[in-house]
Amino acid sequence: MAHEKLKTPVRAVERNLALTKQVTQFLLDHPNVLEAFPDAFELVILPDDDPEIRAFNLQLLDKLGAESKPIVFARVKTHPHAKPSFFVPLAA
């Protein structure tokens, strides 16, 4: 079965690193939020104002995500001081 190659957006690594830093800093500043997450989860960052990176990150999840790990979605704006919102889908 042939796998579709991901089209990597320009500067995807830098853009994702900036978002990861922003989410990580928020979690360090608010450890009670992290305590509410499931053990050994996968974090998927979905920037509301960067649809190209949002789509890319969802494609990465689809291609590389571990089915055995719960997923935590972080919605955030690319503005450096934006507060992320976290969502944990319920198990079926």
C-alpha atoms as a PDB file:
ATOM      1  CA  MET A   1       0.000   0.000   0.000  1.00  0.00           C
ATOM      2  CA  ALA A   2       1.476   3.337  -1.048  1.00  0.00           C
ATOM      3  CA  HIS A   3       1.600   6.098   1.548  1.00  0.00           C
ATOM      4  CA  GLU A   4       0.809   9.642   0.523  1.00  0.00           C
ATOM      5  CA  LYS A   5       3.801  11.907   1.099  1.00  0.00           C
ATOM      6  CA  LEU A   6       3.161  14.811   3.416  1.00  0.00           C
ATOM      7  CA  LYS A   7       3.583  18.234   1.910  1.00  0.00           C
ATOM      8  CA  THR A   8       5.679  20.052   4.485  1.00  0.00           C
ATOM      9  CA  PRO A   9       4.816  23.735   4.828  1.00  0.00           C
ATOM     10  CA  VAL A  10       7.562  26.321   4.548  1.00  0.00           C
ATOM     11  CA  ARG A  11       9.388  26.694   7.888  1.00  0.00           C
ATOM     12  CA  ALA A  12       7.131  24.035   9.455  1.00  0.00           C
ATOM     13  CA  VAL A  13       9.747  23.052  12.035  1.00  0.00           C
ATOM     14  CA  GLU A  14      10.311  26.635  13.188  1.00  0.00           C
ATOM     15  CA  ARG A  15       6.594  27.373  13.296  1.00  0.00           C
ATOM     16  CA  ASN A  16       5.845  24.212  15.269  1.00  0.00           C
ATOM     17  CA  LEU A  17       8.752  24.837  17.651  1.00  0.00           C
ATOM     18  CA  ALA A  18       7.438  28.310  18.444  1.00  0.00           C
ATOM     19  CA  LEU A  19       3.989  26.873  19.157  1.00  0.00           C
ATOM     20  CA  THR A  20       5.462  24.055  21.250  1.00  0.00           C
ATOM     21  CA  LYS A  21       7.436  26.576  23.295  1.00  0.00           C
ATOM     22  CA  GLN A  22       4.291  28.626  23.860  1.00  0.00           C
ATOM     23  CA  VAL A  23       2.228  25.601  24.989  1.00  0.00           C
ATOM     24  CA  THR A  24       5.064  24.221  27.135  1.00  0.00           C
ATOM     25  CA  GLN A  25       5.534  27.566  28.884  1.00  0.00           C
ATOM     26  CA  PHE A  26       1.816  27.713  29.625  1.00  0.00           C
ATOM     27  CA  LEU A  27       1.902  24.189  31.111  1.00  0.00           C
ATOM     28  CA  LEU A  28       4.946  25.047  33.229  1.00  0.00           C
ATOM     29  CA  ASP A  29       3.148  28.138  34.524  1.00  0.00           C
ATOM     30  CA  HIS A  30      -0.080  26.142  35.161  1.00  0.00           C
ATOM     31  CA  PRO A  31       0.961  22.637  36.310  1.00  0.00           C
ATOM     32  CA  ASN A  32      -2.571  21.881  37.500  1.00  0.00           C
ATOM     33  CA  VAL A  33      -3.658  21.751  33.838  1.00  0.00           C
ATOM     34  CA  LEU A  34      -1.038  19.132  33.031  1.00  0.00           C
ATOM     35  CA  GLU A  35      -2.162  17.028  35.999  1.00  0.00           C
ATOM     36  CA  ALA A  36      -5.590  16.694  34.371  1.00  0.00           C
ATOM     37  CA  PHE A  37      -4.175  15.053  31.240  1.00  0.00           C
ATOM     38  CA  PRO A  38      -4.042  11.273  30.772  1.00  0.00           C
ATOM     39  CA  ASP A  39      -0.758   9.409  31.240  1.00  0.00           C
ATOM     40  CA  ALA A  40       1.566   9.000  28.228  1.00  0.00           C
ATOM     41  CA  PHE A  41      -0.489  11.174  25.888  1.00  0.00           C
ATOM     42  CA  GLU A  42       0.278  12.597  22.456  1.00  0.00           C
ATOM     43  CA  LEU A  43       0.003  16.363  22.139  1.00  0.00           C
ATOM     44  CA  VAL A  44      -1.304  17.804  18.876  1.00  0.00           C
ATOM     45  CA  ILE A  45      -1.029  21.571  18.514  1.00  0.00           C
ATOM     46  CA  LEU A  46      -3.717  23.169  16.355  1.00  0.00           C
ATOM     47  CA  PRO A  47      -3.081  26.861  15.711  1.00  0.00           C
ATOM     48  CA  ASP A  48      -6.367  28.654  15.061  1.00  0.00           C
ATOM     49  CA  ASP A  49      -4.724  31.316  12.923  1.00  0.00           C
ATOM     50  CA  ASP A  50      -2.346  29.115  10.895  1.00  0.00           C
ATOM     51  CA  PRO A  51      -4.515  26.715   8.879  1.00  0.00           C
ATOM     52  CA  GLU A  52      -1.511  25.344   6.980  1.00  0.00           C
ATOM     53  CA  ILE A  53       0.266  24.170  10.154  1.00  0.00           C
ATOM     54  CA  ARG A  54      -3.025  23.004  11.689  1.00  0.00           C
ATOM     55  CA  ALA A  55      -3.683  20.759   8.676  1.00  0.00           C
ATOM     56  CA  PHE A  56      -0.064  19.559   8.637  1.00  0.00           C
ATOM     57  CA  ASN A  57      -0.164  18.621  12.337  1.00  0.00           C
ATOM     58  CA  LEU A  58      -3.398  16.678  11.834  1.00  0.00           C
ATOM     59  CA  GLN A  59      -1.803  14.833   8.908  1.00  0.00           C
ATOM     60  CA  LEU A  60       1.193  13.995  11.108  1.00  0.00           C
ATOM     61  CA  LEU A  61      -1.149  12.610  13.739  1.00  0.00           C
ATOM     62  CA  ASP A  62      -2.920  10.508  11.131  1.00  0.00           C
ATOM     63  CA  LYS A  63       0.358   9.178   9.740  1.00  0.00           C
ATOM     64  CA  LEU A  64       2.523   8.852  12.841  1.00  0.00           C
ATOM     65  CA  GLY A  65       0.203   8.822  15.844  1.00  0.00           C
ATOM     66  CA  ALA A  66       0.191   5.793  18.132  1.00  0.00           C
ATOM     67  CA  GLU A  67      -3.273   4.298  18.400  1.00  0.00           C
ATOM     68  CA  SER A  68      -2.551   3.121  21.927  1.00  0.00           C
ATOM     69  CA  LYS A  69      -1.922   6.619  23.321  1.00  0.00           C
ATOM     70  CA  PRO A  70      -4.608   9.131  24.234  1.00  0.00           C
ATOM     71  CA  ILE A  71      -4.520  12.436  22.384  1.00  0.00           C
ATOM     72  CA  VAL A  72      -4.594  15.920  23.857  1.00  0.00           C
ATOM     73  CA  PHE A  73      -5.367  18.724  21.423  1.00  0.00           C
ATOM     74  CA  ALA A  74      -4.028  22.206  22.153  1.00  0.00           C
ATOM     75  CA  ARG A  75      -5.747  25.018  20.275  1.00  0.00           C
ATOM     76  CA  VAL A  76      -3.754  28.214  20.300  1.00  0.00           C
ATOM     77  CA  LYS A  77      -3.154  31.389  18.359  1.00  0.00           C
ATOM     78  CA  THR A  78       0.342  32.076  17.057  1.00  0.00           C
ATOM     79  CA  HIS A  79       0.538  35.276  19.113  1.00  0.00           C
ATOM     80  CA  PRO A  80       3.313  34.620  21.685  1.00  0.00           C
ATOM     81  CA  HIS A  81       1.162  35.401  24.734  1.00  0.00           C
ATOM     82  CA  ALA A  82      -2.035  33.649  23.659  1.00  0.00           C
ATOM     83  CA  LYS A  83      -3.491  31.222  26.177  1.00  0.00           C
ATOM     84  CA  PRO A  84      -4.021  27.723  24.717  1.00  0.00           C
ATOM     85  CA  SER A  85      -7.210  25.704  25.136  1.00  0.00           C
ATOM     86  CA  PHE A  86      -6.876  21.973  25.696  1.00  0.00           C
ATOM     87  CA  PHE A  87      -9.257  19.214  24.621  1.00  0.00           C
ATOM     88  CA  VAL A  88      -9.123  15.524  25.438  1.00  0.00           C
ATOM     89  CA  PRO A  89     -11.528  13.437  23.330  1.00  0.00           C
ATOM     90  CA  LEU A  90     -13.637  10.981  25.299  1.00  0.00           C
ATOM     91  CA  ALA A  91     -13.041   7.273  24.767  1.00  0.00           C
ATOM     92  CA  ALA A  92     -15.791   5.556  22.809  1.00  0.00           C
END
